[in-house]
Structure formats: structure tokens, C-alpha cells
N, C-alpha and C. Protein backbone atom coordinates (compact mmCIF):
# COMPACT_ATOMS: atom_id res chain seq x y z
N MET A 1 25.92 -24.22 -23.37
CA MET A 1 25.00 -25.28 -22.92
C MET A 1 24.72 -25.05 -21.38
N LYS A 2 25.08 -23.96 -20.79
CA LYS A 2 24.75 -23.95 -19.45
C LYS A 2 23.26 -23.41 -19.52
N PHE A 3 22.78 -22.11 -20.19
CA PHE A 3 21.50 -21.71 -20.33
C PHE A 3 20.51 -22.85 -20.57
N LEU A 4 20.49 -24.14 -21.18
CA LEU A 4 19.68 -25.09 -21.52
C LEU A 4 18.68 -25.73 -20.23
N PRO A 5 19.70 -25.95 -19.03
CA PRO A 5 18.45 -26.09 -17.78
C PRO A 5 17.88 -24.71 -17.60
N LEU A 6 18.36 -23.42 -17.54
CA LEU A 6 17.41 -22.01 -17.74
C LEU A 6 16.41 -22.19 -18.42
N ALA A 7 16.56 -22.68 -19.59
CA ALA A 7 15.47 -22.53 -20.62
C ALA A 7 14.30 -24.05 -20.24
N GLY A 8 14.78 -25.25 -20.01
CA GLY A 8 14.08 -25.72 -19.83
C GLY A 8 13.19 -25.95 -18.22
N ARG A 9 13.80 -24.95 -17.30
CA ARG A 9 13.03 -24.95 -16.17
C ARG A 9 11.98 -24.08 -16.45
N ILE A 10 12.22 -22.75 -17.22
CA ILE A 10 11.29 -21.81 -17.63
C ILE A 10 9.77 -22.51 -18.29
N LEU A 11 10.05 -23.13 -19.54
CA LEU A 11 9.23 -23.56 -20.20
C LEU A 11 8.49 -25.01 -19.35
N PHE A 12 9.01 -25.72 -18.01
CA PHE A 12 8.21 -26.67 -17.60
C PHE A 12 7.40 -25.73 -16.35
N ALA A 13 8.12 -24.96 -15.55
CA ALA A 13 7.57 -24.12 -15.02
C ALA A 13 6.44 -23.22 -15.42
N LEU A 14 5.83 -22.64 -16.53
CA LEU A 14 4.89 -22.03 -16.82
C LEU A 14 3.72 -22.51 -16.50
N ILE A 15 3.49 -23.85 -16.63
CA ILE A 15 2.01 -24.31 -16.92
C ILE A 15 1.84 -24.53 -15.73
N PHE A 16 2.64 -24.51 -14.51
CA PHE A 16 2.34 -24.64 -13.04
C PHE A 16 2.24 -23.27 -12.45
N VAL A 17 3.33 -22.28 -12.99
CA VAL A 17 2.55 -20.74 -12.16
C VAL A 17 1.50 -20.20 -12.64
N LEU A 18 1.03 -20.39 -14.14
CA LEU A 18 0.07 -20.14 -14.58
C LEU A 18 -1.63 -20.58 -14.17
N SER A 19 -1.33 -22.01 -14.22
CA SER A 19 -2.13 -23.03 -14.05
C SER A 19 -3.14 -22.92 -12.48
N GLY A 20 -1.40 -22.66 -11.70
CA GLY A 20 -1.75 -22.42 -10.26
C GLY A 20 -2.41 -21.04 -9.52
N VAL A 21 -2.36 -20.12 -10.30
CA VAL A 21 -2.70 -18.51 -10.46
C VAL A 21 -4.51 -19.08 -10.30
N ASN A 22 -4.80 -19.69 -11.72
CA ASN A 22 -6.23 -20.07 -11.95
C ASN A 22 -6.59 -20.75 -10.82
N HIS A 23 -6.20 -21.69 -10.67
CA HIS A 23 -6.77 -22.66 -9.51
C HIS A 23 -6.95 -22.08 -7.99
N ILE A 24 -5.70 -21.08 -7.67
CA ILE A 24 -6.17 -20.51 -6.42
C ILE A 24 -7.06 -19.39 -6.44
N ALA A 25 -7.95 -19.41 -7.43
CA ALA A 25 -9.01 -18.13 -7.92
C ALA A 25 -9.93 -19.21 -7.78
N GLY A 26 -9.94 -20.51 -7.74
CA GLY A 26 -10.82 -21.40 -7.94
C GLY A 26 -11.67 -22.20 -9.32
N ALA A 27 -10.89 -21.47 -10.06
CA ALA A 27 -10.96 -22.26 -11.49
C ALA A 27 -10.64 -23.73 -11.74
N GLY A 28 -11.64 -24.50 -12.04
CA GLY A 28 -11.50 -26.26 -12.32
C GLY A 28 -12.15 -26.64 -10.97
N ALA A 29 -12.72 -25.75 -9.81
CA ALA A 29 -13.31 -26.76 -8.78
C ALA A 29 -15.00 -27.45 -9.29
N ASP A 30 -15.32 -26.89 -10.15
CA ASP A 30 -16.66 -27.50 -10.92
C ASP A 30 -16.45 -28.96 -11.60
N MET A 31 -15.31 -28.84 -12.14
CA MET A 31 -15.06 -30.21 -13.02
C MET A 31 -14.53 -30.82 -11.71
N ALA A 32 -13.51 -30.71 -10.98
CA ALA A 32 -12.99 -31.40 -9.76
C ALA A 32 -14.12 -32.21 -8.90
N ALA A 33 -15.48 -31.00 -8.55
CA ALA A 33 -16.55 -31.66 -8.01
C ALA A 33 -17.32 -32.29 -8.59
N ALA A 34 -17.35 -32.38 -10.12
CA ALA A 34 -18.02 -33.25 -10.97
C ALA A 34 -17.23 -34.70 -11.13
N SER A 35 -15.62 -34.72 -10.75
CA SER A 35 -15.32 -35.81 -10.93
C SER A 35 -15.13 -36.47 -9.24
N GLY A 36 -15.78 -36.30 -8.21
CA GLY A 36 -16.02 -36.71 -7.30
C GLY A 36 -15.21 -36.18 -5.96
N VAL A 37 -14.48 -35.16 -6.56
CA VAL A 37 -13.17 -34.66 -5.55
C VAL A 37 -14.21 -34.42 -4.20
N PRO A 38 -13.87 -34.45 -3.27
CA PRO A 38 -14.63 -33.87 -1.90
C PRO A 38 -13.89 -32.55 -1.76
N ALA A 39 -15.11 -31.66 -1.34
CA ALA A 39 -14.54 -30.30 -0.82
C ALA A 39 -13.40 -29.66 -1.38
N ALA A 40 -14.16 -29.84 -3.04
CA ALA A 40 -13.38 -29.52 -4.07
C ALA A 40 -13.12 -27.53 -4.12
N GLY A 41 -14.06 -27.03 -3.90
CA GLY A 41 -13.89 -25.45 -3.53
C GLY A 41 -12.74 -25.01 -2.72
N VAL A 42 -11.94 -26.42 -1.62
CA VAL A 42 -11.21 -25.95 -0.70
C VAL A 42 -9.70 -26.41 -1.50
N LEU A 43 -10.10 -27.64 -1.85
CA LEU A 43 -8.96 -28.44 -2.22
C LEU A 43 -8.26 -27.95 -3.38
N VAL A 44 -9.33 -27.32 -4.71
CA VAL A 44 -8.82 -26.88 -5.68
C VAL A 44 -7.68 -25.63 -5.64
N PRO A 45 -8.10 -24.39 -4.65
CA PRO A 45 -7.22 -23.72 -4.54
C PRO A 45 -6.00 -23.81 -3.75
N VAL A 46 -6.10 -24.72 -2.40
CA VAL A 46 -5.14 -25.57 -2.19
C VAL A 46 -3.93 -26.01 -3.23
N ALA A 47 -4.12 -26.42 -4.14
CA ALA A 47 -3.53 -27.23 -4.99
C ALA A 47 -2.94 -26.40 -5.99
N GLY A 48 -3.74 -25.42 -6.04
CA GLY A 48 -3.09 -24.29 -7.21
C GLY A 48 -2.15 -23.70 -6.33
N LEU A 49 -2.52 -23.67 -4.57
CA LEU A 49 -0.88 -22.70 -4.05
C LEU A 49 0.01 -23.80 -4.50
N LEU A 50 0.04 -25.17 -4.36
CA LEU A 50 1.20 -25.84 -4.41
C LEU A 50 1.64 -25.83 -5.80
N ALA A 51 0.89 -25.96 -7.05
CA ALA A 51 1.38 -25.72 -8.51
C ALA A 51 2.33 -24.39 -9.02
N PHE A 52 1.47 -23.12 -7.81
CA PHE A 52 2.29 -22.18 -8.27
C PHE A 52 3.51 -22.15 -7.20
N ALA A 53 3.58 -22.31 -5.88
CA ALA A 53 4.78 -22.61 -5.25
C ALA A 53 5.48 -23.09 -5.75
N GLY A 54 5.43 -24.42 -6.40
CA GLY A 54 6.68 -25.29 -6.98
C GLY A 54 6.87 -24.84 -8.33
N GLY A 55 6.03 -24.35 -8.98
CA GLY A 55 6.37 -23.82 -10.81
C GLY A 55 7.22 -22.45 -10.09
N LEU A 56 7.09 -21.50 -9.07
CA LEU A 56 7.45 -19.99 -9.00
C LEU A 56 8.94 -20.39 -8.56
N SER A 57 9.34 -21.88 -7.64
CA SER A 57 10.86 -21.99 -7.37
C SER A 57 11.41 -22.63 -8.39
N ILE A 58 10.89 -23.80 -9.07
CA ILE A 58 11.64 -24.10 -10.63
C ILE A 58 12.39 -22.85 -11.09
N LEU A 59 10.98 -22.08 -11.69
CA LEU A 59 11.30 -21.21 -12.45
C LEU A 59 12.56 -20.01 -11.93
N LEU A 60 12.53 -19.72 -11.01
CA LEU A 60 13.60 -18.88 -10.48
C LEU A 60 14.93 -19.81 -9.90
N GLY A 61 14.67 -20.97 -9.86
CA GLY A 61 15.84 -21.32 -9.51
C GLY A 61 15.97 -21.97 -8.09
N TYR A 62 15.27 -21.59 -7.15
CA TYR A 62 15.32 -21.35 -5.80
C TYR A 62 14.77 -22.16 -5.04
N LYS A 63 15.68 -23.12 -4.30
CA LYS A 63 15.09 -24.06 -3.49
C LYS A 63 14.15 -25.31 -4.32
N ALA A 64 14.85 -25.42 -6.12
CA ALA A 64 14.12 -26.37 -6.93
C ALA A 64 14.03 -27.52 -6.39
N LYS A 65 14.70 -28.35 -6.15
CA LYS A 65 14.35 -29.45 -5.33
C LYS A 65 13.03 -29.40 -4.75
N ILE A 66 12.83 -28.72 -3.67
CA ILE A 66 11.69 -28.61 -3.05
C ILE A 66 10.39 -28.32 -3.86
N GLY A 67 10.82 -27.02 -4.55
CA GLY A 67 9.35 -27.04 -5.40
C GLY A 67 9.41 -28.29 -6.29
N ALA A 68 10.44 -28.98 -6.62
CA ALA A 68 9.89 -29.97 -7.82
C ALA A 68 9.02 -30.86 -6.70
N TRP A 69 9.22 -30.86 -5.87
CA TRP A 69 8.56 -32.11 -4.65
C TRP A 69 7.37 -31.35 -4.75
N LEU A 70 7.18 -30.03 -4.34
CA LEU A 70 5.83 -29.78 -4.63
C LEU A 70 4.99 -30.16 -5.64
N ILE A 71 5.34 -30.25 -6.71
CA ILE A 71 4.83 -30.22 -8.02
C ILE A 71 4.18 -31.80 -7.92
N VAL A 72 5.18 -32.59 -7.55
CA VAL A 72 5.19 -34.36 -7.37
C VAL A 72 3.51 -34.07 -6.31
N LEU A 73 3.74 -33.33 -5.30
CA LEU A 73 2.49 -33.20 -4.53
C LEU A 73 1.44 -32.68 -5.38
N PHE A 74 1.53 -31.74 -6.20
CA PHE A 74 0.41 -31.47 -6.52
C PHE A 74 -0.18 -32.63 -7.55
N ILE A 75 0.47 -33.02 -8.76
CA ILE A 75 0.44 -33.68 -9.61
C ILE A 75 -0.01 -34.98 -9.82
N VAL A 76 0.34 -35.81 -8.71
CA VAL A 76 -0.06 -37.11 -8.26
C VAL A 76 -1.55 -37.22 -8.34
N PRO A 77 -1.87 -36.57 -7.12
CA PRO A 77 -3.59 -36.74 -7.02
C PRO A 77 -4.41 -36.14 -8.06
N VAL A 78 -3.88 -35.12 -8.52
CA VAL A 78 -4.56 -34.68 -9.66
C VAL A 78 -4.85 -35.47 -11.09
N THR A 79 -3.50 -36.23 -11.15
CA THR A 79 -3.56 -37.14 -12.42
C THR A 79 -4.57 -38.07 -11.92
N ILE A 80 -4.67 -38.51 -11.11
CA ILE A 80 -5.40 -39.74 -10.63
C ILE A 80 -6.81 -39.46 -10.23
N ALA A 81 -7.01 -38.35 -9.68
CA ALA A 81 -8.85 -38.05 -9.59
C ALA A 81 -9.37 -37.24 -10.99
N LEU A 82 -8.57 -36.49 -11.29
CA LEU A 82 -9.46 -36.20 -12.50
C LEU A 82 -8.54 -36.97 -14.14
N HIS A 83 -8.25 -37.53 -14.59
CA HIS A 83 -7.98 -37.69 -15.50
C HIS A 83 -7.91 -39.44 -15.35
N LYS A 84 -8.79 -40.07 -15.14
CA LYS A 84 -9.39 -41.63 -15.18
C LYS A 84 -9.89 -42.00 -16.27
N PHE A 85 -8.92 -42.32 -17.30
CA PHE A 85 -9.31 -42.20 -18.72
C PHE A 85 -10.17 -43.57 -19.03
N TRP A 86 -9.27 -44.75 -17.92
CA TRP A 86 -10.05 -46.06 -17.94
C TRP A 86 -11.22 -45.95 -17.45
N ALA A 87 -12.18 -45.08 -16.75
CA ALA A 87 -13.44 -45.00 -16.45
C ALA A 87 -14.65 -44.51 -17.38
N PHE A 88 -14.22 -43.41 -18.37
CA PHE A 88 -14.95 -43.36 -19.65
C PHE A 88 -15.22 -44.26 -21.20
N THR A 89 -16.38 -44.12 -21.40
CA THR A 89 -17.46 -45.30 -22.05
C THR A 89 -17.40 -44.65 -23.53
N ASP A 90 -17.15 -43.25 -23.56
CA ASP A 90 -17.16 -42.17 -24.55
C ASP A 90 -15.79 -42.39 -25.50
N PRO A 91 -15.65 -42.63 -26.34
CA PRO A 91 -13.99 -42.86 -27.06
C PRO A 91 -13.52 -41.43 -26.90
N MET A 92 -14.18 -40.03 -27.25
CA MET A 92 -13.67 -39.17 -27.42
C MET A 92 -13.13 -38.77 -26.26
N GLN A 93 -13.74 -38.69 -25.07
CA GLN A 93 -13.43 -38.36 -23.65
C GLN A 93 -12.50 -39.08 -23.00
N GLN A 94 -12.42 -40.56 -23.73
CA GLN A 94 -11.35 -41.42 -22.84
C GLN A 94 -9.94 -41.20 -23.61
N GLN A 95 -10.31 -40.60 -24.78
CA GLN A 95 -8.72 -40.18 -25.69
C GLN A 95 -8.22 -38.92 -24.77
N ILE A 96 -9.42 -38.23 -24.75
CA ILE A 96 -8.99 -36.80 -23.89
C ILE A 96 -7.94 -37.07 -22.55
N HIS A 97 -8.67 -37.64 -21.74
CA HIS A 97 -8.20 -38.02 -20.62
C HIS A 97 -7.16 -39.09 -20.96
N MET A 98 -6.89 -39.59 -21.70
CA MET A 98 -5.45 -40.37 -21.94
C MET A 98 -4.37 -39.57 -22.02
N ALA A 99 -4.50 -38.87 -22.66
CA ALA A 99 -3.82 -37.71 -23.24
C ALA A 99 -3.30 -36.76 -22.08
N MET A 100 -4.66 -36.60 -21.37
CA MET A 100 -4.00 -35.22 -20.09
C MET A 100 -3.35 -36.45 -18.91
N PHE A 101 -3.63 -37.74 -18.57
CA PHE A 101 -2.79 -38.65 -17.68
C PHE A 101 -1.15 -38.87 -18.58
N MET A 102 -0.94 -39.06 -19.55
CA MET A 102 0.27 -39.01 -20.42
C MET A 102 1.15 -37.97 -20.48
N LYS A 103 0.54 -36.73 -20.45
CA LYS A 103 1.08 -35.46 -19.97
C LYS A 103 1.38 -35.12 -18.59
N ASN A 104 0.59 -35.63 -18.09
CA ASN A 104 1.00 -35.68 -16.29
C ASN A 104 1.58 -36.45 -15.98
N LEU A 105 2.12 -37.73 -16.60
CA LEU A 105 3.06 -38.38 -16.28
C LEU A 105 4.47 -38.13 -16.68
N ALA A 106 4.34 -37.14 -17.92
CA ALA A 106 5.41 -36.65 -18.34
C ALA A 106 6.15 -35.41 -17.63
N LEU A 107 5.22 -34.93 -17.20
CA LEU A 107 5.58 -33.61 -16.12
C LEU A 107 5.93 -34.34 -14.58
N LEU A 108 5.27 -35.22 -14.23
CA LEU A 108 5.93 -36.07 -13.29
C LEU A 108 7.57 -36.40 -13.48
N GLY A 109 7.45 -36.85 -14.78
CA GLY A 109 8.69 -36.84 -14.76
C GLY A 109 9.99 -35.94 -14.66
N GLY A 110 9.30 -35.12 -15.30
CA GLY A 110 10.45 -33.64 -15.30
C GLY A 110 10.57 -33.29 -13.65
N ALA A 111 9.68 -33.30 -12.89
CA ALA A 111 9.67 -32.93 -11.45
C ALA A 111 10.84 -33.63 -10.84
N LEU A 112 10.73 -35.19 -11.04
CA LEU A 112 11.53 -36.05 -10.36
C LEU A 112 12.80 -35.67 -11.19
N LEU A 113 13.12 -35.36 -11.89
CA LEU A 113 14.42 -35.05 -12.60
C LEU A 113 14.95 -33.60 -11.66
N ILE A 114 14.30 -33.00 -11.65
CA ILE A 114 14.54 -31.81 -11.04
C ILE A 114 14.81 -31.60 -9.30
N ALA A 115 13.88 -32.97 -8.90
CA ALA A 115 14.26 -33.39 -7.39
C ALA A 115 15.38 -33.71 -7.25
N TYR A 116 15.83 -34.56 -8.81
CA TYR A 116 17.15 -35.48 -8.14
C TYR A 116 18.63 -34.27 -8.30
N PHE A 117 18.18 -33.80 -9.88
CA PHE A 117 19.66 -32.99 -9.91
C PHE A 117 19.58 -31.54 -9.39
N GLY A 118 18.34 -31.01 -9.42
CA GLY A 118 18.08 -29.58 -8.88
C GLY A 118 18.23 -28.53 -10.09
N ALA A 119 18.42 -27.34 -9.97
CA ALA A 119 18.21 -26.43 -10.96
C ALA A 119 19.16 -26.21 -12.02
N GLY A 120 20.04 -26.51 -11.65
CA GLY A 120 21.18 -26.18 -13.09
C GLY A 120 21.71 -25.27 -12.78
N PRO A 121 23.03 -24.69 -13.51
CA PRO A 121 23.92 -23.78 -13.18
C PRO A 121 23.63 -22.20 -13.03
N VAL A 122 22.52 -21.94 -13.68
CA VAL A 122 22.12 -20.76 -14.28
C VAL A 122 20.92 -20.65 -13.24
N SER A 123 21.34 -20.55 -11.84
CA SER A 123 19.88 -20.64 -10.61
C SER A 123 20.00 -19.80 -9.69
N LEU A 124 19.23 -19.44 -8.42
CA LEU A 124 19.62 -18.86 -7.59
C LEU A 124 20.12 -19.93 -6.73
N ASP A 125 19.69 -21.13 -6.53
CA ASP A 125 20.27 -22.40 -5.85
C ASP A 125 21.82 -22.27 -6.12
N ALA A 126 22.43 -22.14 -7.50
CA ALA A 126 23.90 -22.45 -7.98
C ALA A 126 24.71 -21.24 -7.51
N ARG A 127 23.60 -20.04 -7.50
CA ARG A 127 24.40 -18.50 -6.90
C ARG A 127 24.77 -18.69 -5.17
N ALA A 128 24.07 -19.37 -4.68
CA ALA A 128 23.97 -19.55 -3.25
C ALA A 128 24.96 -20.48 -2.88
N ALA A 129 24.99 -21.73 -3.67
CA ALA A 129 26.08 -22.54 -3.31
C ALA A 129 27.78 -22.20 -3.72
N ALA A 130 27.73 -21.29 -4.38
CA ALA A 130 28.97 -20.74 -4.88
C ALA A 130 29.65 -19.37 -3.95
N LYS A 131 28.40 -18.70 -3.53
CA LYS A 131 28.59 -18.35 -2.06
C LYS A 131 29.36 -18.83 -0.92
N ALA A 132 29.01 -20.32 -0.73
CA ALA A 132 29.27 -20.81 0.48
C ALA A 132 30.73 -21.48 0.14
């Protein structure tokens, strides 16, 4: 059972590590700009750094509580700025953005759980605590 938090961390962190790399490279800046995000060419790579650093921290279980707060800092503004499902009149677009909004709420919930409980027993954080 002690490996369940490790599996959960890996599955949770993958989306942030992989998309973080893409955002650092500027992917998604056009979509963000079209959604009204100011200075999207700068803010998207910065958001990518938050996502990548937070995801890597959680993946490794190193300072995972801090990494989870980085994910919170990433996901809240991204969700509000880019997935305004209530602003779409096209039913298909509205449904797609509502699904993305709800997915991000679920990810936010996971990040808050990690921010509270930490990385779990199989992590660099647990290893450091055992040495102390």
C-alpha cells in the first residue's frame, strides 16, 4: 500500500511535467492571446515553468508540498482565463471548455491534497525526514 501515493504522484504529475515543457517553448501562447491574456508570449512560458517545476517536485516527492502550491498558482489563473465555458454560445465549445474547467478543478483538488498531506512514504521528502 505504501506505493499507492507514489503511483498517484506519478500519474498526477505527468500532465504538468509534459505540458510544462510545451508551455516553456511557447505552445499555447496564441490560444492564450486569443482568449485575452495580456503578454501571452511571456506569461505562457512563465506558467510553463510553474507547471514543470511543480510537476517535477511532486513526481520526485521532493518538497512536494511546495510543488503542489506551484501547481495551484498555475492552475487557478489558467482555468479562469482559458476555460470560461459560460462565455461560449456554441454548445460544442461550451461543453469542451466545461470539461476542461472541471478537469482542472479535479487537478486543483489533487494539488490541494498533496499540499496538505505531502508526498507520501516513498519519496525524497520521506527519505529526508527519516534521516533527520
